[in-house]
Protein backbone atom coordinates (compact mmCIF):
# COMPACT_ATOMS: atom_id res chain seq x y z
CA MET A 1 -13.93 -16.64 12.00
CA THR A 2 -17.05 -17.39 10.03
CA ASP A 3 -20.03 -15.07 10.07
CA GLY A 4 -23.00 -17.37 9.81
CA THR A 5 -25.43 -14.89 8.27
CA ASP A 6 -24.45 -15.88 4.77
CA CYS A 7 -21.73 -18.46 5.25
CA VAL A 8 -18.97 -16.10 4.21
CA ARG A 9 -15.64 -16.60 5.99
CA VAL A 10 -14.59 -13.25 7.40
CA ASP A 11 -11.25 -12.89 9.15
CA ARG A 12 -10.97 -10.05 11.50
CA VAL A 13 -7.69 -8.38 12.44
CA ARG A 14 -7.84 -5.73 15.14
CA VAL A 15 -5.48 -2.73 15.01
CA ASP A 16 -5.31 -1.85 18.72
CA LEU A 17 -4.66 1.90 19.04
CA GLY A 18 -6.73 2.69 22.06
CA PRO A 19 -9.55 5.14 21.15
CA ARG A 20 -8.45 4.92 17.49
CA SER A 21 -8.70 1.11 17.32
CA TYR A 22 -10.50 -0.54 14.39
CA GLU A 23 -10.96 -3.84 12.62
CA VAL A 24 -9.77 -5.00 9.22
CA ARG A 25 -12.30 -7.49 7.91
CA ILE A 26 -11.09 -9.83 5.15
CA GLY A 27 -13.30 -12.12 3.10
CA ALA A 28 -15.06 -12.65 -0.21
CA GLY A 29 -18.40 -10.89 -0.53
CA LEU A 30 -17.94 -8.02 1.88
CA LEU A 31 -18.85 -5.42 -0.78
CA ALA A 32 -22.32 -7.02 -1.02
CA ARG A 33 -22.92 -6.55 2.65
CA ALA A 34 -21.23 -3.23 3.17
CA GLY A 35 -24.35 -1.78 4.75
CA GLU A 36 -24.39 -4.31 7.52
CA GLU A 37 -20.67 -3.64 8.17
CA ILE A 38 -20.82 0.15 8.07
CA ALA A 39 -24.24 0.82 9.65
CA PRO A 40 -23.09 0.58 13.28
CA LEU A 41 -20.66 3.48 12.62
CA LEU A 42 -23.35 5.81 11.23
CA VAL A 43 -25.14 8.60 13.06
CA ARG A 44 -27.38 9.23 10.08
CA PRO A 45 -27.89 6.78 7.14
CA ARG A 46 -25.70 8.41 4.51
CA VAL A 47 -22.08 8.13 3.25
CA ALA A 48 -19.96 10.03 0.77
CA VAL A 49 -17.89 7.80 -1.42
CA LEU A 50 -14.65 8.79 -3.20
CA THR A 51 -13.57 6.49 -5.90
CA ASP A 52 -11.87 6.60 -9.34
CA GLU A 53 -13.49 6.17 -12.75
CA THR A 54 -12.09 2.67 -13.35
CA VAL A 55 -13.25 1.26 -9.89
CA ALA A 56 -16.55 3.09 -10.29
CA GLY A 57 -17.31 1.21 -13.48
CA LEU A 58 -16.43 -2.14 -11.80
CA HIS A 59 -17.77 -1.83 -8.29
CA LEU A 60 -19.77 1.36 -7.43
CA GLU A 61 -23.15 -0.11 -8.18
CA ALA A 62 -22.29 -3.21 -6.21
CA LEU A 63 -21.40 -1.00 -3.27
CA ARG A 64 -24.72 0.94 -3.76
CA ASP A 65 -26.69 -2.32 -3.65
CA GLY A 66 -24.64 -3.54 -0.66
CA LEU A 67 -25.38 -0.41 1.40
CA ARG A 68 -29.09 -1.44 1.48
CA GLY A 69 -30.96 1.75 2.27
CA ILE A 70 -28.01 3.86 3.28
CA GLU A 71 -27.98 7.01 1.11
CA MET A 72 -24.81 7.20 -1.03
CA ALA A 73 -23.38 10.22 -2.88
CA SER A 74 -20.18 9.52 -4.99
CA LEU A 75 -17.44 11.28 -6.76
CA ALA A 76 -15.23 9.46 -9.31
CA LEU A 77 -11.82 10.96 -9.86
CA PRO A 78 -9.50 10.04 -12.78
CA ALA A 79 -7.66 6.81 -12.34
CA GLY A 80 -3.90 6.82 -11.84
CA GLU A 81 -1.15 8.18 -9.69
CA ALA A 82 -1.41 11.64 -11.18
CA THR A 83 -4.70 12.03 -9.29
CA LYS A 84 -2.83 12.01 -5.98
CA GLY A 85 -1.99 15.75 -6.14
CA TRP A 86 -3.36 19.18 -5.19
CA PRO A 87 -5.91 19.67 -8.07
CA GLU A 88 -7.91 16.47 -7.52
CA PHE A 89 -7.46 16.65 -3.77
CA SER A 90 -8.93 20.19 -3.79
CA ARG A 91 -11.72 18.94 -5.98
CA ALA A 92 -12.53 16.09 -3.62
CA VAL A 93 -12.57 18.33 -0.55
CA ASP A 94 -14.79 20.99 -2.23
CA TRP A 95 -17.16 18.24 -3.29
CA LEU A 96 -17.38 16.79 0.26
CA LEU A 97 -18.08 20.23 1.53
CA ALA A 98 -20.76 20.81 -1.14
CA LYS A 99 -22.38 17.53 0.00
CA LYS A 100 -22.53 18.98 3.46
CA VAL A 101 -20.49 16.15 4.98
CA GLU A 102 -20.35 16.77 8.77
CA ARG A 103 -17.82 15.68 11.36
CA ARG A 104 -19.90 12.70 12.54
CA ASP A 105 -20.50 11.43 8.97
CA ILE A 106 -18.50 8.81 7.13
CA VAL A 107 -16.27 9.20 4.02
CA VAL A 108 -15.79 5.92 2.19
CA ALA A 109 -12.59 5.36 0.07
CA LEU A 110 -13.54 2.80 -2.63
CA GLY A 111 -10.43 2.06 -4.62
CA GLY A 112 -6.68 1.40 -4.58
CA GLY A 113 -3.90 3.14 -2.82
CA VAL A 114 -4.27 6.46 -4.63
CA ILE A 115 -7.91 6.89 -3.70
CA GLY A 116 -7.30 5.52 -0.14
CA ASP A 117 -4.48 7.95 0.46
CA LEU A 118 -6.29 10.94 -1.05
CA ALA A 119 -9.71 10.17 0.53
CA GLY A 120 -8.08 9.57 3.92
CA PHE A 121 -6.19 12.87 3.68
CA ALA A 122 -9.40 14.73 2.71
CA ALA A 123 -11.21 13.13 5.70
CA ALA A 124 -8.31 14.16 7.92
CA VAL A 125 -8.50 17.82 7.03
CA LEU A 126 -12.17 18.24 6.38
CA ARG A 127 -13.77 20.07 9.38
CA ARG A 128 -10.49 19.11 11.25
CA GLY A 129 -11.28 15.43 11.08
CA VAL A 130 -14.09 13.32 9.66
CA ARG A 131 -14.28 9.56 10.04
CA PHE A 132 -13.64 7.34 7.04
CA VAL A 133 -13.87 3.72 5.99
CA GLN A 134 -11.46 1.98 3.63
CA ILE A 135 -12.83 -0.42 1.05
CA PRO A 136 -9.54 -1.34 -0.85
CA THR A 137 -10.04 -2.86 -4.24
CA THR A 138 -6.44 -3.75 -5.04
CA LEU A 139 -4.11 -6.27 -3.43
CA LEU A 140 -1.60 -3.52 -2.69
CA ALA A 141 -4.19 -1.44 -0.85
CA GLN A 142 -5.60 -4.43 1.02
CA VAL A 143 -2.26 -5.46 2.47
CA ASP A 144 -0.60 -2.12 2.85
CA SER A 145 -1.99 1.38 2.26
CA SER A 146 -5.50 0.88 3.71
CA VAL A 147 -4.05 -0.18 7.11
CA GLY A 148 -2.19 2.09 9.51
CA GLY A 149 -3.61 5.54 8.88
CA LYS A 150 -0.98 7.04 6.57
CA THR A 151 -2.79 9.41 4.23
CA GLY A 152 -1.54 11.99 1.83
CA ILE A 153 -0.76 13.23 -1.67
CA ASN A 154 2.33 13.76 -3.80
CA SER A 155 4.25 16.94 -4.45
CA VAL A 156 6.48 18.04 -7.36
CA HIS A 157 9.31 17.43 -4.86
CA GLY A 158 8.42 13.79 -4.17
CA LYS A 159 5.97 11.11 -3.29
CA ASN A 160 3.66 11.31 -0.14
CA LEU A 161 5.41 14.52 1.17
CA ILE A 162 2.06 16.09 2.12
CA GLY A 163 -0.21 14.18 4.38
CA ALA A 164 -1.36 13.29 7.92
CA PHE A 165 -1.82 10.29 10.09
CA HIS A 166 -5.60 9.62 10.28
CA GLN A 167 -6.78 6.15 11.13
CA PRO A 168 -9.79 4.63 9.43
CA SER A 169 -12.79 3.59 11.48
CA LEU A 170 -13.08 0.30 9.56
CA VAL A 171 -11.35 -1.55 6.64
CA LEU A 172 -13.35 -3.97 4.41
CA ALA A 173 -11.02 -6.07 2.28
CA ASP A 174 -13.18 -8.08 -0.14
CA ILE A 175 -11.02 -10.80 -1.62
CA ALA A 176 -13.47 -11.35 -4.46
CA VAL A 177 -12.88 -7.92 -6.00
CA LEU A 178 -9.21 -8.87 -6.67
CA GLU A 179 -10.49 -11.08 -9.40
CA THR A 180 -11.28 -7.98 -11.51
CA LEU A 181 -7.66 -6.76 -11.36
CA PRO A 182 -5.42 -7.08 -14.48
CA ALA A 183 -2.56 -9.56 -13.87
CA ARG A 184 0.04 -6.75 -13.77
CA ASP A 185 -1.89 -4.86 -11.02
CA PHE A 186 -2.28 -8.00 -8.91
CA LEU A 187 1.50 -8.75 -9.21
CA SER A 188 2.25 -5.14 -8.27
CA GLY A 189 0.37 -5.67 -5.05
CA TYR A 190 2.21 -8.95 -4.52
CA GLY A 191 5.41 -6.82 -4.26
CA GLU A 192 4.07 -5.54 -0.91
CA VAL A 193 3.05 -9.04 0.28
CA VAL A 194 6.59 -10.37 -0.34
CA LYS A 195 7.92 -7.38 1.59
CA TYR A 196 6.37 -8.68 4.78
CA GLY A 197 8.17 -11.98 4.55
CA LEU A 198 11.39 -10.25 3.78
CA LEU A 199 11.28 -7.79 6.61
CA GLY A 200 10.24 -10.03 9.48
CA ASP A 201 8.91 -13.50 8.75
CA ALA A 202 11.16 -15.93 6.87
CA ALA A 203 8.52 -18.69 7.23
CA PHE A 204 5.95 -16.53 5.50
CA PHE A 205 8.42 -15.94 2.65
CA GLY A 206 8.84 -19.72 2.39
CA TRP A 207 5.07 -20.08 2.30
CA LEU A 208 4.88 -17.61 -0.54
CA GLU A 209 7.54 -19.42 -2.50
CA ALA A 210 5.28 -22.45 -2.30
CA ASN A 211 1.90 -20.77 -2.75
CA GLY A 212 2.70 -17.67 -4.79
CA PRO A 213 1.69 -19.39 -8.13
CA ALA A 214 -1.71 -20.33 -6.66
CA LEU A 215 -2.25 -16.75 -5.50
CA ALA A 216 -1.55 -15.44 -8.93
CA LEU A 217 -3.91 -17.91 -10.50
CA GLY A 218 -6.76 -16.87 -8.26
CA ASP A 219 -6.95 -19.32 -5.41
CA ARG A 220 -9.17 -17.46 -2.92
CA THR A 221 -8.11 -19.36 0.10
CA ALA A 222 -4.44 -18.69 -0.50
CA ARG A 223 -5.26 -15.06 -1.27
CA GLN A 224 -7.22 -14.61 1.94
CA ALA A 225 -4.50 -16.26 3.96
CA ALA A 226 -1.80 -13.92 2.40
CA VAL A 227 -3.88 -10.86 2.99
CA ARG A 228 -4.73 -11.86 6.55
CA HIS A 229 -1.13 -12.58 7.46
CA SER A 230 0.17 -9.41 5.77
CA VAL A 231 -2.40 -7.20 7.51
CA ALA A 232 -1.70 -8.86 10.92
CA MET A 233 2.01 -8.20 10.55
CA LYS A 234 1.40 -4.55 9.64
CA ALA A 235 -1.12 -4.15 12.47
CA ARG A 236 1.37 -5.36 15.09
CA ILE A 237 4.02 -2.94 13.78
CA VAL A 238 1.58 -0.03 13.69
CA GLU A 239 0.49 -0.77 17.20
CA ARG A 240 4.05 -0.45 18.39
CA ASP A 241 4.82 2.67 16.39
CA GLU A 242 1.80 4.46 14.98
CA THR A 243 3.66 7.55 13.64
CA GLU A 244 6.81 5.94 12.38
CA GLU A 245 9.32 7.00 15.12
CA GLY A 246 10.90 3.50 15.21
CA ASP A 247 9.72 0.06 14.19
CA ARG A 248 7.25 1.22 11.58
CA ALA A 249 10.15 2.37 9.43
CA LEU A 250 10.72 -1.41 8.70
CA LEU A 251 7.63 -1.27 6.46
CA ASN A 252 9.72 0.94 4.14
CA LEU A 253 11.87 -2.01 3.03
CA GLY A 254 12.55 -1.28 -0.68
CA HIS A 255 10.77 2.06 -0.61
CA THR A 256 13.75 4.42 -0.66
CA PHE A 257 14.74 2.96 -4.01
CA CYS A 258 11.20 2.65 -5.10
CA HIS A 259 10.17 6.21 -4.53
CA ALA A 260 13.22 7.42 -6.47
CA LEU A 261 12.41 5.22 -9.37
CA GLU A 262 8.75 6.32 -9.27
CA LYS A 263 9.81 9.95 -9.45
CA ALA A 264 12.19 9.13 -12.24
CA THR A 265 9.44 7.57 -14.27
CA GLY A 266 7.04 10.45 -13.59
CA TYR A 267 4.62 8.37 -11.42
CA SER A 268 3.45 6.85 -14.59
CA THR A 269 2.39 3.38 -15.73
CA ARG A 270 5.97 2.69 -16.69
CA LEU A 271 6.44 1.57 -13.12
CA LEU A 272 3.65 0.64 -10.74
CA HIS A 273 4.26 1.10 -7.00
CA GLY A 274 4.45 -2.52 -6.14
CA GLU A 275 6.79 -3.15 -9.06
CA GLY A 276 9.05 -0.45 -7.58
CA VAL A 277 8.86 -2.04 -4.15
CA ALA A 278 9.89 -5.44 -5.61
CA ILE A 279 12.94 -3.89 -7.39
CA GLY A 280 13.65 -1.88 -4.22
CA CYS A 281 13.60 -5.02 -2.08
CA ALA A 282 15.95 -6.74 -4.45
CA LEU A 283 18.28 -3.77 -4.44
CA ALA A 284 18.12 -3.45 -0.64
CA PHE A 285 19.17 -7.09 -0.24
CA GLU A 286 21.94 -6.59 -2.80
CA LEU A 287 23.17 -3.53 -0.87
CA SER A 288 23.01 -5.56 2.38
CA GLN A 289 25.14 -8.26 0.81
CA ARG A 290 27.72 -5.81 -0.53
CA LEU A 291 28.03 -4.29 2.94
CA GLY A 292 28.67 -7.77 4.36
CA LEU A 293 25.44 -7.93 6.30
CA CYS A 294 23.94 -11.01 4.62
CA SER A 295 25.01 -13.91 2.53
CA GLN A 296 24.99 -13.86 -1.25
CA GLU A 297 22.28 -16.50 -1.13
CA ALA A 298 19.71 -14.05 0.26
CA PRO A 299 19.50 -11.54 -2.62
CA SER A 300 19.67 -14.43 -5.10
CA ARG A 301 16.69 -16.10 -3.43
CA VAL A 302 14.72 -12.86 -3.40
CA ARG A 303 15.35 -12.31 -7.13
CA ALA A 304 14.61 -15.87 -7.95
CA HIS A 305 11.14 -15.78 -6.33
CA LEU A 306 10.21 -12.53 -7.93
CA ARG A 307 11.32 -13.77 -11.37
CA ALA A 308 9.34 -16.92 -10.88
CA MET A 309 6.27 -14.84 -10.23
CA GLY A 310 6.87 -12.93 -13.51
CA MET A 311 7.66 -9.64 -11.76
CA LYS A 312 10.09 -6.85 -12.38
CA VAL A 313 13.25 -7.48 -10.41
CA ASP A 314 15.97 -5.00 -11.64
CA ILE A 315 16.19 -1.48 -12.88
CA ALA A 316 16.93 -2.95 -16.28
CA ASP A 317 13.28 -4.18 -16.31
CA ILE A 318 11.95 -0.60 -16.38
CA PRO A 319 11.25 0.63 -19.93
CA GLY A 320 12.37 3.96 -21.21
CA ASP A 321 15.15 6.41 -20.09
CA LEU A 322 16.17 7.00 -16.59
CA PRO A 323 18.42 9.47 -14.89
CA GLY A 324 22.02 8.52 -14.05
CA PRO A 325 23.05 7.17 -10.61
CA GLU A 326 23.65 10.70 -9.30
CA GLY A 327 20.18 11.79 -10.39
CA LEU A 328 18.54 8.82 -8.67
CA LEU A 329 20.53 9.43 -5.52
CA SER A 330 19.41 13.15 -5.51
CA PHE A 331 15.74 11.91 -5.65
CA MET A 332 16.42 9.72 -2.62
CA ALA A 333 17.81 12.76 -0.76
CA GLN A 334 14.27 14.31 -0.99
CA ASP A 335 12.61 11.26 0.43
CA LYS A 336 10.61 11.89 3.61
CA LYS A 337 12.66 9.18 5.30
CA VAL A 338 15.74 11.38 5.28
CA VAL A 339 16.75 12.32 8.85
CA ASP A 340 19.27 15.18 9.55
CA GLY A 341 20.30 15.01 5.91
CA ARG A 342 21.11 11.28 6.14
CA LEU A 343 19.44 8.68 4.04
CA ARG A 344 17.72 5.88 5.96
CA PHE A 345 17.62 2.51 4.41
CA VAL A 346 15.96 -0.67 5.55
CA LEU A 347 18.68 -3.38 5.18
CA ALA A 348 18.73 -7.02 6.07
CA ARG A 349 20.91 -9.60 7.82
CA GLY A 350 18.91 -12.31 5.97
CA ILE A 351 15.49 -13.06 4.87
CA GLY A 352 13.06 -12.06 7.67
CA GLU A 353 15.77 -10.06 9.44
CA ALA A 354 15.45 -6.38 8.40
CA PHE A 355 16.57 -3.41 10.32
CA VAL A 356 16.79 0.39 9.86
CA ALA A 357 20.18 1.92 9.04
CA ASP A 358 20.97 5.60 8.72
CA ASP A 359 24.75 5.32 8.34
CA VAL A 360 24.90 3.67 4.92
CA PRO A 361 27.86 5.04 2.89
CA GLY A 362 26.68 7.13 -0.03
CA ASP A 363 29.48 5.70 -2.25
CA ALA A 364 28.14 2.19 -1.74
CA VAL A 365 24.68 3.23 -2.84
CA LEU A 366 26.06 5.11 -5.78
CA ARG A 367 28.14 2.07 -6.96
CA LEU A 368 25.05 -0.18 -6.64
CA LEU A 369 23.04 2.21 -8.81
CA GLU A 370 25.90 2.41 -11.33
CA ASP A 371 25.98 -1.30 -11.64
CA ALA A 372 22.15 -1.56 -11.81
CA LEU A 373 21.97 1.04 -14.55
CA ALA A 374 24.89 -0.50 -16.46
CA GLY A 375 22.69 -3.66 -16.82
CA ARG A 376 20.17 -1.74 -18.90
């Protein structure tokens, strides 16, 4: 749809969850009109913003200007995955309490997935539940982590093992802010976009093969279309399965491998999350082919597109030392997707035909990891 107040095209995707329903609004220029978007949610004209130091330098004053008379307090945490742990989480919660944030107030998460997850979890536990608004500033956060209500922090035992389901009241995905992202960060987010085509929409994957280069070069129309389609796909899955009892597990395509590789690299810049997802998707399709579930063409096509986009595709593309195959497999065993001690993988019968499997032979996974590590 087009909102005629300033001729900005705003696409609206509703996440229909009964009393927890909300809209994801997608378009260039939403940051500059954040006040108009958020004001209907406010009981009193004030918000508490959690962000990180990098995003604060780029966008915090633009948000302040866009709030137009709504009082804003802000806390900027250090940038990076290491922030998503107990120390900075405790700091954020104590700051919100010091600012006297009440249950009817709004916490705003301004940033990427780390800030969105941490701020959402802080809102979930603060006074047993405070509303929050997501303003995702990365492609990865716009298409994935800002939608669906998964919030949380990491533990020394693994990624996202501490958290809660807490749906936002609104998501504002400003396409224009993506233009401030370094190319590597944008492509990391693209790993999550590709995932949607691979798990359930072969036509969308074909569209990405044709339009991916334009996305990477900054085409706003293509970027908005990709974000809208990705969000709509996630919204429909979340509506069917809000707390990941069934269909929502499909969204974890590539993530069992990804989380093990992230732990192996210390949640550092050696491997960004979306890079791990891309490698994980390629490995999931390779595993599917080895198990006789899909043709050899499918993993080859996945790798070819990721390589054409200039992305990491194989474990060999990760710099530095890694544990052996048994070590990576042990990291997978701590993943929150383990059920009754059995690893759950999202596998595929072809592009756009993913399904959840919890009976994957461990020796097949081990051989795959052995071969992948041998290529380093």
